[in-house]
Amino acid sequence: MAEITQKIKIMKGAAPDLSAATYQIFDESHTMGNALRWMIMKNPKVEFCGYSVPHPSENLIQLRIQMYDGLSSLDALLAALSNLDDVCDSVEEKYRASLAGGQYQRWEEKS
């Protein structure tokens, strides 16, 4: 049986109500960090969101979220992940529809 690896970890120092917390997200890079930060900051209940890659040799990001009014940063993170998934689904759907329409230029490399 394959071992289950942890994907997200709440780091020490989080507020008891999770209104402010730093999350470690494993096996991700700037691509996911920047997209998540953008999606989280679209939420008007978020006071601050930033991410960092602690070291290039570590395959993880650290995401800090601070909320207004004692709301849960975990709820904001989960909502952002869901919204980002919806955006990716929409882009894929539009891409496949465009590809099926055949209205694109073909380019062949001549060697």
PDB file of N, CA and C in Angstrom:
ATOM      1  N   MET A   1       0.842  -1.181   0.000  1.00  0.00           N
ATOM      2  CA  MET A   1       0.000   0.000   0.000  1.00  0.00           C
ATOM      3  C   MET A   1       0.887   1.244   0.000  1.00  0.00           C
ATOM      4  N   ALA A   2       0.547   2.220  -0.804  1.00  0.00           N
ATOM      5  CA  ALA A   2       1.329   3.451  -0.914  1.00  0.00           C
ATOM      6  C   ALA A   2       1.158   4.305   0.341  1.00  0.00           C
ATOM      7  N   GLU A   3       2.252   4.932   0.723  1.00  0.00           N
ATOM      8  CA  GLU A   3       2.221   5.793   1.901  1.00  0.00           C
ATOM      9  C   GLU A   3       1.581   7.135   1.543  1.00  0.00           C
ATOM     10  N   ILE A   4       0.696   7.614   2.403  1.00  0.00           N
ATOM     11  CA  ILE A   4       0.039   8.903   2.181  1.00  0.00           C
ATOM     12  C   ILE A   4       0.967  10.003   2.672  1.00  0.00           C
ATOM     13  N   THR A   5       1.240  10.960   1.806  1.00  0.00           N
ATOM     14  CA  THR A   5       2.103  12.071   2.194  1.00  0.00           C
ATOM     15  C   THR A   5       1.257  13.303   2.468  1.00  0.00           C
ATOM     16  N   GLN A   6       1.727  14.098   3.403  1.00  0.00           N
ATOM     17  CA  GLN A   6       1.031  15.316   3.802  1.00  0.00           C
ATOM     18  C   GLN A   6       1.191  16.378   2.720  1.00  0.00           C
ATOM     19  N   LYS A   7       0.113  17.064   2.356  1.00  0.00           N
ATOM     20  CA  LYS A   7       0.151  18.105   1.330  1.00  0.00           C
ATOM     21  C   LYS A   7       0.196  19.501   1.945  1.00  0.00           C
ATOM     22  N   ILE A   8      -0.582  19.733   3.001  1.00  0.00           N
ATOM     23  CA  ILE A   8      -0.646  21.045   3.645  1.00  0.00           C
ATOM     24  C   ILE A   8      -0.444  20.882   5.147  1.00  0.00           C
ATOM     25  N   LYS A   9       0.334  21.800   5.705  1.00  0.00           N
ATOM     26  CA  LYS A   9       0.595  21.789   7.142  1.00  0.00           C
ATOM     27  C   LYS A   9       0.430  23.207   7.676  1.00  0.00           C
ATOM     28  N   ILE A  10      -0.254  23.352   8.806  1.00  0.00           N
ATOM     29  CA  ILE A  10      -0.369  24.650   9.469  1.00  0.00           C
ATOM     30  C   ILE A  10       0.859  24.812  10.349  1.00  0.00           C
ATOM     31  N   MET A  11       1.596  25.887  10.140  1.00  0.00           N
ATOM     32  CA  MET A  11       2.833  26.095  10.887  1.00  0.00           C
ATOM     33  C   MET A  11       2.545  26.653  12.282  1.00  0.00           C
ATOM     34  N   LYS A  12       3.507  26.488  13.172  1.00  0.00           N
ATOM     35  CA  LYS A  12       3.391  27.007  14.530  1.00  0.00           C
ATOM     36  C   LYS A  12       3.202  28.516  14.496  1.00  0.00           C
ATOM     37  N   GLY A  13       2.474  29.037  15.491  1.00  0.00           N
ATOM     38  CA  GLY A  13       2.263  30.474  15.599  1.00  0.00           C
ATOM     39  C   GLY A  13       0.939  30.935  15.030  1.00  0.00           C
ATOM     40  N   ALA A  14       0.120  30.014  14.553  1.00  0.00           N
ATOM     41  CA  ALA A  14      -1.189  30.374  14.008  1.00  0.00           C
ATOM     42  C   ALA A  14      -2.101  30.839  15.138  1.00  0.00           C
ATOM     43  N   ALA A  15      -2.967  31.789  14.828  1.00  0.00           N
ATOM     44  CA  ALA A  15      -3.961  32.238  15.811  1.00  0.00           C
ATOM     45  C   ALA A  15      -4.880  31.060  16.139  1.00  0.00           C
ATOM     46  N   PRO A  16      -5.344  30.972  17.386  1.00  0.00           N
ATOM     47  CA  PRO A  16      -6.211  29.843  17.767  1.00  0.00           C
ATOM     48  C   PRO A  16      -7.461  29.704  16.887  1.00  0.00           C
ATOM     49  N   ASP A  17      -8.000  30.831  16.413  1.00  0.00           N
ATOM     50  CA  ASP A  17      -9.188  30.782  15.552  1.00  0.00           C
ATOM     51  C   ASP A  17      -8.828  30.712  14.065  1.00  0.00           C
ATOM     52  N   LEU A  18      -7.530  30.585  13.771  1.00  0.00           N
ATOM     53  CA  LEU A  18      -6.991  30.536  12.401  1.00  0.00           C
ATOM     54  C   LEU A  18      -7.279  31.805  11.595  1.00  0.00           C
ATOM     55  N   SER A  19      -7.520  32.922  12.286  1.00  0.00           N
ATOM     56  CA  SER A  19      -7.721  34.182  11.561  1.00  0.00           C
ATOM     57  C   SER A  19      -6.413  34.666  10.944  1.00  0.00           C
ATOM     58  N   ALA A  20      -5.299  34.174  11.438  1.00  0.00           N
ATOM     59  CA  ALA A  20      -3.982  34.447  10.865  1.00  0.00           C
ATOM     60  C   ALA A  20      -3.167  33.165  10.977  1.00  0.00           C
ATOM     61  N   ALA A  21      -2.672  32.682   9.851  1.00  0.00           N
ATOM     62  CA  ALA A  21      -1.913  31.428   9.866  1.00  0.00           C
ATOM     63  C   ALA A  21      -0.995  31.367   8.660  1.00  0.00           C
ATOM     64  N   THR A  22       0.090  30.617   8.833  1.00  0.00           N
ATOM     65  CA  THR A  22       1.000  30.326   7.728  1.00  0.00           C
ATOM     66  C   THR A  22       0.885  28.838   7.431  1.00  0.00           C
ATOM     67  N   TYR A  23       0.693  28.540   6.168  1.00  0.00           N
ATOM     68  CA  TYR A  23       0.527  27.155   5.712  1.00  0.00           C
ATOM     69  C   TYR A  23       1.740  26.757   4.885  1.00  0.00           C
ATOM     70  N   GLN A  24       2.251  25.572   5.114  1.00  0.00           N
ATOM     71  CA  GLN A  24       3.258  24.998   4.235  1.00  0.00           C
ATOM     72  C   GLN A  24       2.516  24.095   3.264  1.00  0.00           C
ATOM     73  N   ILE A  25       2.770  24.304   1.994  1.00  0.00           N
ATOM     74  CA  ILE A  25       2.151  23.483   0.954  1.00  0.00           C
ATOM     75  C   ILE A  25       3.284  22.770   0.225  1.00  0.00           C
ATOM     76  N   PHE A  26       3.295  21.453   0.321  1.00  0.00           N
ATOM     77  CA  PHE A  26       4.392  20.643  -0.196  1.00  0.00           C
ATOM     78  C   PHE A  26       4.209  20.324  -1.676  1.00  0.00           C
ATOM     79  N   ASP A  27       5.334  20.116  -2.351  1.00  0.00           N
ATOM     80  CA  ASP A  27       5.386  19.766  -3.775  1.00  0.00           C
ATOM     81  C   ASP A  27       4.759  20.834  -4.662  1.00  0.00           C
ATOM     82  N   GLU A  28       4.945  22.098  -4.309  1.00  0.00           N
ATOM     83  CA  GLU A  28       4.460  23.213  -5.127  1.00  0.00           C
ATOM     84  C   GLU A  28       5.553  24.263  -5.246  1.00  0.00           C
ATOM     85  N   SER A  29       5.387  25.175  -6.210  1.00  0.00           N
ATOM     86  CA  SER A  29       6.402  26.186  -6.485  1.00  0.00           C
ATOM     87  C   SER A  29       5.727  27.543  -6.679  1.00  0.00           C
ATOM     88  N   HIS A  30       6.473  28.486  -7.271  1.00  0.00           N
ATOM     89  CA  HIS A  30       5.948  29.826  -7.520  1.00  0.00           C
ATOM     90  C   HIS A  30       4.668  29.799  -8.357  1.00  0.00           C
ATOM     91  N   THR A  31       4.536  28.835  -9.240  1.00  0.00           N
ATOM     92  CA  THR A  31       3.355  28.765 -10.099  1.00  0.00           C
ATOM     93  C   THR A  31       2.084  28.688  -9.259  1.00  0.00           C
ATOM     94  N   MET A  32       2.042  27.759  -8.325  1.00  0.00           N
ATOM     95  CA  MET A  32       0.868  27.621  -7.466  1.00  0.00           C
ATOM     96  C   MET A  32       0.810  28.742  -6.434  1.00  0.00           C
ATOM     97  N   GLY A  33       1.959  29.130  -5.901  1.00  0.00           N
ATOM     98  CA  GLY A  33       1.986  30.187  -4.891  1.00  0.00           C
ATOM     99  C   GLY A  33       1.402  31.492  -5.390  1.00  0.00           C
ATOM    100  N   ASN A  34       1.808  31.917  -6.570  1.00  0.00           N
ATOM    101  CA  ASN A  34       1.323  33.177  -7.116  1.00  0.00           C
ATOM    102  C   ASN A  34      -0.149  33.090  -7.495  1.00  0.00           C
ATOM    103  N   ALA A  35      -0.563  31.978  -8.079  1.00  0.00           N
ATOM    104  CA  ALA A  35      -1.971  31.817  -8.451  1.00  0.00           C
ATOM    105  C   ALA A  35      -2.870  31.795  -7.208  1.00  0.00           C
ATOM    106  N   LEU A  36      -2.434  31.099  -6.164  1.00  0.00           N
ATOM    107  CA  LEU A  36      -3.218  31.047  -4.926  1.00  0.00           C
ATOM    108  C   LEU A  36      -3.284  32.410  -4.249  1.00  0.00           C
ATOM    109  N   ARG A  37      -2.138  33.103  -4.193  1.00  0.00           N
ATOM    110  CA  ARG A  37      -2.110  34.434  -3.590  1.00  0.00           C
ATOM    111  C   ARG A  37      -3.076  35.361  -4.312  1.00  0.00           C
ATOM    112  N   TRP A  38      -3.071  35.318  -5.642  1.00  0.00           N
ATOM    113  CA  TRP A  38      -3.970  36.158  -6.440  1.00  0.00           C
ATOM    114  C   TRP A  38      -5.437  35.840  -6.129  1.00  0.00           C
ATOM    115  N   MET A  39      -5.764  34.553  -6.091  1.00  0.00           N
ATOM    116  CA  MET A  39      -7.150  34.151  -5.858  1.00  0.00           C
ATOM    117  C   MET A  39      -7.586  34.501  -4.430  1.00  0.00           C
ATOM    118  N   ILE A  40      -6.719  34.304  -3.461  1.00  0.00           N
ATOM    119  CA  ILE A  40      -7.056  34.624  -2.068  1.00  0.00           C
ATOM    120  C   ILE A  40      -7.268  36.122  -1.903  1.00  0.00           C
ATOM    121  N   MET A  41      -6.440  36.940  -2.552  1.00  0.00           N
ATOM    122  CA  MET A  41      -6.555  38.400  -2.410  1.00  0.00           C
ATOM    123  C   MET A  41      -7.805  38.955  -3.090  1.00  0.00           C
ATOM    124  N   LYS A  42      -8.459  38.188  -3.933  1.00  0.00           N
ATOM    125  CA  LYS A  42      -9.728  38.621  -4.525  1.00  0.00           C
ATOM    126  C   LYS A  42     -10.860  38.593  -3.495  1.00  0.00           C
ATOM    127  N   ASN A  43     -10.646  37.887  -2.376  1.00  0.00           N
ATOM    128  CA  ASN A  43     -11.630  37.804  -1.303  1.00  0.00           C
ATOM    129  C   ASN A  43     -11.542  39.082  -0.454  1.00  0.00           C
ATOM    130  N   PRO A  44     -12.606  39.884  -0.394  1.00  0.00           N
ATOM    131  CA  PRO A  44     -12.550  41.149   0.355  1.00  0.00           C
ATOM    132  C   PRO A  44     -12.414  40.971   1.869  1.00  0.00           C
ATOM    133  N   LYS A  45     -12.603  39.762   2.371  1.00  0.00           N
ATOM    134  CA  LYS A  45     -12.473  39.506   3.805  1.00  0.00           C
ATOM    135  C   LYS A  45     -11.024  39.208   4.206  1.00  0.00           C
ATOM    136  N   VAL A  46     -10.129  39.126   3.220  1.00  0.00           N
ATOM    137  CA  VAL A  46      -8.715  38.848   3.475  1.00  0.00           C
ATOM    138  C   VAL A  46      -7.970  40.168   3.662  1.00  0.00           C
ATOM    139  N   GLU A  47      -7.271  40.278   4.780  1.00  0.00           N
ATOM    140  CA  GLU A  47      -6.482  41.474   5.073  1.00  0.00           C
ATOM    141  C   GLU A  47      -5.119  41.416   4.387  1.00  0.00           C
ATOM    142  N   PHE A  48      -4.491  40.240   4.413  1.00  0.00           N
ATOM    143  CA  PHE A  48      -3.153  40.077   3.847  1.00  0.00           C
ATOM    144  C   PHE A  48      -2.974  38.646   3.369  1.00  0.00           C
ATOM    145  N   CYS A  49      -2.250  38.506   2.277  1.00  0.00           N
ATOM    146  CA  CYS A  49      -1.840  37.189   1.811  1.00  0.00           C
ATOM    147  C   CYS A  49      -0.511  37.341   1.077  1.00  0.00           C
ATOM    148  N   GLY A  50       0.430  36.500   1.400  1.00  0.00           N
ATOM    149  CA  GLY A  50       1.713  36.481   0.722  1.00  0.00           C
ATOM    150  C   GLY A  50       2.280  35.072   0.776  1.00  0.00           C
ATOM    151  N   TYR A  51       3.199  34.792  -0.124  1.00  0.00           N
ATOM    152  CA  TYR A  51       3.812  33.469  -0.122  1.00  0.00           C
ATOM    153  C   TYR A  51       5.312  33.612  -0.334  1.00  0.00           C
ATOM    154  N   SER A  52       6.029  32.584   0.030  1.00  0.00           N
ATOM    155  CA  SER A  52       7.466  32.542  -0.232  1.00  0.00           C
ATOM    156  C   SER A  52       7.877  31.109  -0.487  1.00  0.00           C
ATOM    157  N   VAL A  53       8.992  30.978  -1.180  1.00  0.00           N
ATOM    158  CA  VAL A  53       9.655  29.690  -1.344  1.00  0.00           C
ATOM    159  C   VAL A  53      10.897  29.793  -0.467  1.00  0.00           C
ATOM    160  N   PRO A  54      10.919  29.086   0.683  1.00  0.00           N
ATOM    161  CA  PRO A  54      12.002  29.272   1.641  1.00  0.00           C
ATOM    162  C   PRO A  54      13.398  29.061   1.058  1.00  0.00           C
ATOM    163  N   HIS A  55      13.555  28.056   0.225  1.00  0.00           N
ATOM    164  CA  HIS A  55      14.850  27.774  -0.382  1.00  0.00           C
ATOM    165  C   HIS A  55      14.619  27.010  -1.685  1.00  0.00           C
ATOM    166  N   PRO A  56      15.391  27.322  -2.725  1.00  0.00           N
ATOM    167  CA  PRO A  56      15.172  26.645  -4.016  1.00  0.00           C
ATOM    168  C   PRO A  56      15.291  25.125  -3.973  1.00  0.00           C
ATOM    169  N   SER A  57      16.052  24.612  -3.013  1.00  0.00           N
ATOM    170  CA  SER A  57      16.199  23.156  -2.947  1.00  0.00           C
ATOM    171  C   SER A  57      15.037  22.483  -2.212  1.00  0.00           C
ATOM    172  N   GLU A  58      14.178  23.280  -1.562  1.00  0.00           N
ATOM    173  CA  GLU A  58      13.009  22.725  -0.879  1.00  0.00           C
ATOM    174  C   GLU A  58      11.799  22.873  -1.796  1.00  0.00           C
ATOM    175  N   ASN A  59      11.116  21.791  -2.031  1.00  0.00           N
ATOM    176  CA  ASN A  59       9.978  21.801  -2.947  1.00  0.00           C
ATOM    177  C   ASN A  59       8.697  22.096  -2.169  1.00  0.00           C
ATOM    178  N   LEU A  60       8.598  23.342  -1.664  1.00  0.00           N
ATOM    179  CA  LEU A  60       7.407  23.750  -0.926  1.00  0.00           C
ATOM    180  C   LEU A  60       7.274  25.259  -0.959  1.00  0.00           C
ATOM    181  N   ILE A  61       6.057  25.714  -0.656  1.00  0.00           N
ATOM    182  CA  ILE A  61       5.809  27.144  -0.497  1.00  0.00           C
ATOM    183  C   ILE A  61       5.225  27.365   0.892  1.00  0.00           C
ATOM    184  N   GLN A  62       5.405  28.569   1.393  1.00  0.00           N
ATOM    185  CA  GLN A  62       4.779  28.972   2.642  1.00  0.00           C
ATOM    186  C   GLN A  62       3.821  30.105   2.314  1.00  0.00           C
ATOM    187  N   LEU A  63       2.572  29.943   2.701  1.00  0.00           N
ATOM    188  CA  LEU A  63       1.511  30.879   2.376  1.00  0.00           C
ATOM    189  C   LEU A  63       0.956  31.472   3.668  1.00  0.00           C
ATOM    190  N   ARG A  64       1.050  32.795   3.807  1.00  0.00           N
ATOM    191  CA  ARG A  64       0.550  33.491   4.998  1.00  0.00           C
ATOM    192  C   ARG A  64      -0.768  34.159   4.642  1.00  0.00           C
ATOM    193  N   ILE A  65      -1.792  33.918   5.467  1.00  0.00           N
ATOM    194  CA  ILE A  65      -3.114  34.519   5.254  1.00  0.00           C
ATOM    195  C   ILE A  65      -3.559  35.150   6.567  1.00  0.00           C
ATOM    196  N   GLN A  66      -3.993  36.415   6.501  1.00  0.00           N
ATOM    197  CA  GLN A  66      -4.555  37.113   7.649  1.00  0.00           C
ATOM    198  C   GLN A  66      -5.929  37.640   7.247  1.00  0.00           C
ATOM    199  N   MET A  67      -6.902  37.393   8.109  1.00  0.00           N
ATOM    200  CA  MET A  67      -8.288  37.726   7.809  1.00  0.00           C
ATOM    201  C   MET A  67      -8.781  38.899   8.661  1.00  0.00           C
ATOM    202  N   TYR A  68      -9.778  39.601   8.164  1.00  0.00           N
ATOM    203  CA  TYR A  68     -10.492  40.602   8.946  1.00  0.00           C
ATOM    204  C   TYR A  68     -11.504  39.907   9.851  1.00  0.00           C
ATOM    205  N   ASP A  69     -11.869  40.547  10.949  1.00  0.00           N
ATOM    206  CA  ASP A  69     -12.988  40.148  11.810  1.00  0.00           C
ATOM    207  C   ASP A  69     -12.898  38.731  12.367  1.00  0.00           C
ATOM    208  N   GLY A  70     -11.703  38.202  12.542  1.00  0.00           N
ATOM    209  CA  GLY A  70     -11.557  36.880  13.153  1.00  0.00           C
ATOM    210  C   GLY A  70     -12.066  35.726  12.312  1.00  0.00           C
ATOM    211  N   LEU A  71     -12.211  35.926  11.013  1.00  0.00           N
ATOM    212  CA  LEU A  71     -12.677  34.844  10.138  1.00  0.00           C
ATOM    213  C   LEU A  71     -11.559  33.830   9.912  1.00  0.00           C
ATOM    214  N   SER A  72     -11.894  32.659   9.442  1.00  0.00           N
ATOM    215  CA  SER A  72     -10.934  31.569   9.290  1.00  0.00           C
ATOM    216  C   SER A  72     -10.134  31.679   7.990  1.00  0.00           C
ATOM    217  N   SER A  73      -8.812  31.702   8.142  1.00  0.00           N
ATOM    218  CA  SER A  73      -7.944  31.710   6.964  1.00  0.00           C
ATOM    219  C   SER A  73      -8.010  30.365   6.237  1.00  0.00           C
ATOM    220  N   LEU A  74      -8.294  29.292   6.965  1.00  0.00           N
ATOM    221  CA  LEU A  74      -8.420  27.981   6.331  1.00  0.00           C
ATOM    222  C   LEU A  74      -9.615  27.959   5.380  1.00  0.00           C
ATOM    223  N   ASP A  75     -10.721  28.576   5.783  1.00  0.00           N
ATOM    224  CA  ASP A  75     -11.884  28.663   4.895  1.00  0.00           C
ATOM    225  C   ASP A  75     -11.534  29.457   3.635  1.00  0.00           C
ATOM    226  N   ALA A  76     -10.771  30.535   3.805  1.00  0.00           N
ATOM    227  CA  ALA A  76     -10.360  31.346   2.651  1.00  0.00           C
ATOM    228  C   ALA A  76      -9.456  30.539   1.722  1.00  0.00           C
ATOM    229  N   LEU A  77      -8.543  29.759   2.296  1.00  0.00           N
ATOM    230  CA  LEU A  77      -7.655  28.921   1.490  1.00  0.00           C
ATOM    231  C   LEU A  77      -8.440  27.868   0.722  1.00  0.00           C
ATOM    232  N   LEU A  78      -9.355  27.190   1.390  1.00  0.00           N
ATOM    233  CA  LEU A  78     -10.153  26.157   0.722  1.00  0.00           C
ATOM    234  C   LEU A  78     -11.030  26.748  -0.376  1.00  0.00           C
ATOM    235  N   ALA A  79     -11.614  27.923  -0.126  1.00  0.00           N
ATOM    236  CA  ALA A  79     -12.433  28.590  -1.149  1.00  0.00           C
ATOM    237  C   ALA A  79     -11.570  28.978  -2.349  1.00  0.00           C
ATOM    238  N   ALA A  80     -10.361  29.486  -2.083  1.00  0.00           N
ATOM    239  CA  ALA A  80      -9.463  29.877  -3.179  1.00  0.00           C
ATOM    240  C   ALA A  80      -9.039  28.672  -4.006  1.00  0.00           C
ATOM    241  N   LEU A  81      -8.760  27.558  -3.357  1.00  0.00           N
ATOM    242  CA  LEU A  81      -8.398  26.339  -4.090  1.00  0.00           C
ATOM    243  C   LEU A  81      -9.544  25.879  -4.984  1.00  0.00           C
ATOM    244  N   SER A  82     -10.756  25.939  -4.458  1.00  0.00           N
ATOM    245  CA  SER A  82     -11.930  25.558  -5.243  1.00  0.00           C
ATOM    246  C   SER A  82     -12.129  26.512  -6.427  1.00  0.00           C
ATOM    247  N   ASN A  83     -12.001  27.810  -6.171  1.00  0.00           N
ATOM    248  CA  ASN A  83     -12.160  28.805  -7.242  1.00  0.00           C
ATOM    249  C   ASN A  83     -11.082  28.658  -8.302  1.00  0.00           C
ATOM    250  N   LEU A  84      -9.858  28.395  -7.876  1.00  0.00           N
ATOM    251  CA  LEU A  84      -8.764  28.208  -8.829  1.00  0.00           C
ATOM    252  C   LEU A  84      -9.004  26.971  -9.685  1.00  0.00           C
ATOM    253  N   ASP A  85      -9.539  25.929  -9.082  1.00  0.00           N
ATOM    254  CA  ASP A  85      -9.885  24.722  -9.823  1.00  0.00           C
ATOM    255  C   ASP A  85     -10.957  25.028 -10.871  1.00  0.00           C
ATOM    256  N   ASP A  86     -11.942  25.844 -10.501  1.00  0.00           N
ATOM    257  CA  ASP A  86     -12.992  26.243 -11.446  1.00  0.00           C
ATOM    258  C   ASP A  86     -12.419  27.038 -12.613  1.00  0.00           C
ATOM    259  N   VAL A  87     -11.480  27.944 -12.326  1.00  0.00           N
ATOM    260  CA  VAL A  87     -10.844  28.739 -13.382  1.00  0.00           C
ATOM    261  C   VAL A  87     -10.085  27.822 -14.336  1.00  0.00           C
ATOM    262  N   CYS A  88      -9.345  26.872 -13.790  1.00  0.00           N
ATOM    263  CA  CYS A  88      -8.593  25.937 -14.643  1.00  0.00           C
ATOM    264  C   CYS A  88      -9.532  25.098 -15.505  1.00  0.00           C
ATOM    265  N   ASP A  89     -10.649  24.655 -14.937  1.00  0.00           N
ATOM    266  CA  ASP A  89     -11.636  23.901 -15.710  1.00  0.00           C
ATOM    267  C   ASP A  89     -12.198  24.740 -16.848  1.00  0.00           C
ATOM    268  N   SER A  90     -12.475  25.998 -16.569  1.00  0.00           N
ATOM    269  CA  SER A  90     -13.021  26.898 -17.583  1.00  0.00           C
ATOM    270  C   SER A  90     -12.024  27.134 -18.717  1.00  0.00           C
ATOM    271  N   VAL A  91     -10.759  27.360 -18.367  1.00  0.00           N
ATOM    272  CA  VAL A  91      -9.721  27.565 -19.382  1.00  0.00           C
ATOM    273  C   VAL A  91      -9.570  26.319 -20.241  1.00  0.00           C
ATOM    274  N   GLU A  92      -9.565  25.147 -19.601  1.00  0.00           N
ATOM    275  CA  GLU A  92      -9.443  23.897 -20.356  1.00  0.00           C
ATOM    276  C   GLU A  92     -10.635  23.714 -21.302  1.00  0.00           C
ATOM    277  N   GLU A  93     -11.821  24.014 -20.822  1.00  0.00           N
ATOM    278  CA  GLU A  93     -13.028  23.881 -21.649  1.00  0.00           C
ATOM    279  C   GLU A  93     -12.955  24.801 -22.872  1.00  0.00           C
ATOM    280  N   LYS A  94     -12.567  26.054 -22.667  1.00  0.00           N
ATOM    281  CA  LYS A  94     -12.455  27.002 -23.785  1.00  0.00           C
ATOM    282  C   LYS A  94     -11.357  26.579 -24.756  1.00  0.00           C
ATOM    283  N   TYR A  95     -10.245  26.089 -24.232  1.00  0.00           N
ATOM    284  CA  TYR A  95      -9.141  25.640 -25.074  1.00  0.00           C
ATOM    285  C   TYR A  95      -9.573  24.475 -25.953  1.00  0.00           C
ATOM    286  N   ARG A  96     -10.222  23.482 -25.347  1.00  0.00           N
ATOM    287  CA  ARG A  96     -10.655  22.308 -26.112  1.00  0.00           C
ATOM    288  C   ARG A  96     -11.700  22.678 -27.175  1.00  0.00           C
ATOM    289  N   ALA A  97     -12.591  23.611 -26.838  1.00  0.00           N
ATOM    290  CA  ALA A  97     -13.591  24.057 -27.813  1.00  0.00           C
ATOM    291  C   ALA A  97     -12.917  24.767 -28.978  1.00  0.00           C
ATOM    292  N   SER A  98     -11.939  25.603 -28.682  1.00  0.00           N
ATOM    293  CA  SER A  98     -11.213  26.310 -29.726  1.00  0.00           C
ATOM    294  C   SER A  98     -10.421  25.339 -30.597  1.00  0.00           C
ATOM    295  N   LEU A  99      -9.792  24.366 -29.966  1.00  0.00           N
ATOM    296  CA  LEU A  99      -9.020  23.371 -30.695  1.00  0.00           C
ATOM    297  C   LEU A  99      -9.926  22.547 -31.605  1.00  0.00           C
ATOM    298  N   ALA A 100     -11.100  22.178 -31.107  1.00  0.00           N
ATOM    299  CA  ALA A 100     -12.044  21.394 -31.906  1.00  0.00           C
ATOM    300  C   ALA A 100     -12.567  22.196 -33.091  1.00  0.00           C
ATOM    301  N   GLY A 101     -12.617  23.522 -32.957  1.00  0.00           N
ATOM    302  CA  GLY A 101     -13.080  24.376 -34.051  1.00  0.00           C
ATOM    303  C   GLY A 101     -12.102  24.447 -35.206  1.00  0.00           C
ATOM    304  N   GLY A 102     -10.852  24.133 -34.948  1.00  0.00           N
ATOM    305  CA  GLY A 102      -9.854  24.088 -36.014  1.00  0.00           C
ATOM    306  C   GLY A 102      -9.401  25.446 -36.522  1.00  0.00           C
ATOM    307  N   GLN A 103      -9.764  26.510 -35.864  1.00  0.00           N
ATOM    308  CA  GLN A 103      -9.392  27.855 -36.314  1.00  0.00           C
ATOM    309  C   GLN A 103      -8.063  28.283 -35.688  1.00  0.00           C
ATOM    310  N   TYR A 104      -7.011  27.619 -36.092  1.00  0.00           N
ATOM    311  CA  TYR A 104      -5.684  27.944 -35.593  1.00  0.00           C
ATOM    312  C   TYR A 104      -4.677  27.693 -36.699  1.00  0.00           C
ATOM    313  N   GLN A 105      -3.504  28.271 -36.561  1.00  0.00           N
ATOM    314  CA  GLN A 105      -2.466  28.101 -37.558  1.00  0.00           C
ATOM    315  C   GLN A 105      -1.603  26.891 -37.203  1.00  0.00           C
ATOM    316  N   ARG A 106      -1.277  26.136 -38.217  1.00  0.00           N
ATOM    317  CA  ARG A 106      -0.363  25.011 -38.013  1.00  0.00           C
ATOM    318  C   ARG A 106       1.032  25.463 -38.451  1.00  0.00           C
ATOM    319  N   TRP A 107       2.019  25.042 -37.698  1.00  0.00           N
ATOM    320  CA  TRP A 107       3.380  25.391 -37.993  1.00  0.00           C
ATOM    321  C   TRP A 107       4.226  24.139 -37.943  1.00  0.00           C
ATOM    322  N   GLU A 108       4.978  23.926 -38.994  1.00  0.00           N
ATOM    323  CA  GLU A 108       5.852  22.761 -39.040  1.00  0.00           C
ATOM    324  C   GLU A 108       7.271  23.240 -39.123  1.00  0.00           C
ATOM    325  N   GLU A 109       8.094  22.674 -38.277  1.00  0.00           N
ATOM    326  CA  GLU A 109       9.511  23.024 -38.285  1.00  0.00           C
ATOM    327  C   GLU A 109      10.199  22.292 -39.420  1.00  0.00           C
ATOM    328  N   LYS A 110      10.926  23.024 -40.226  1.00  0.00           N
ATOM    329  CA  LYS A 110      11.651  22.414 -41.323  1.00  0.00           C
ATOM    330  C   LYS A 110      13.089  22.170 -40.859  1.00  0.00           C
ATOM    331  N   SER A 111      13.497  20.919 -40.901  1.00  0.00           N
ATOM    332  CA  SER A 111      14.839  20.611 -40.419  1.00  0.00           C
ATOM    333  C   SER A 111      15.869  20.648 -41.515  1.00  0.00           C
TER     334      SER A 111
END
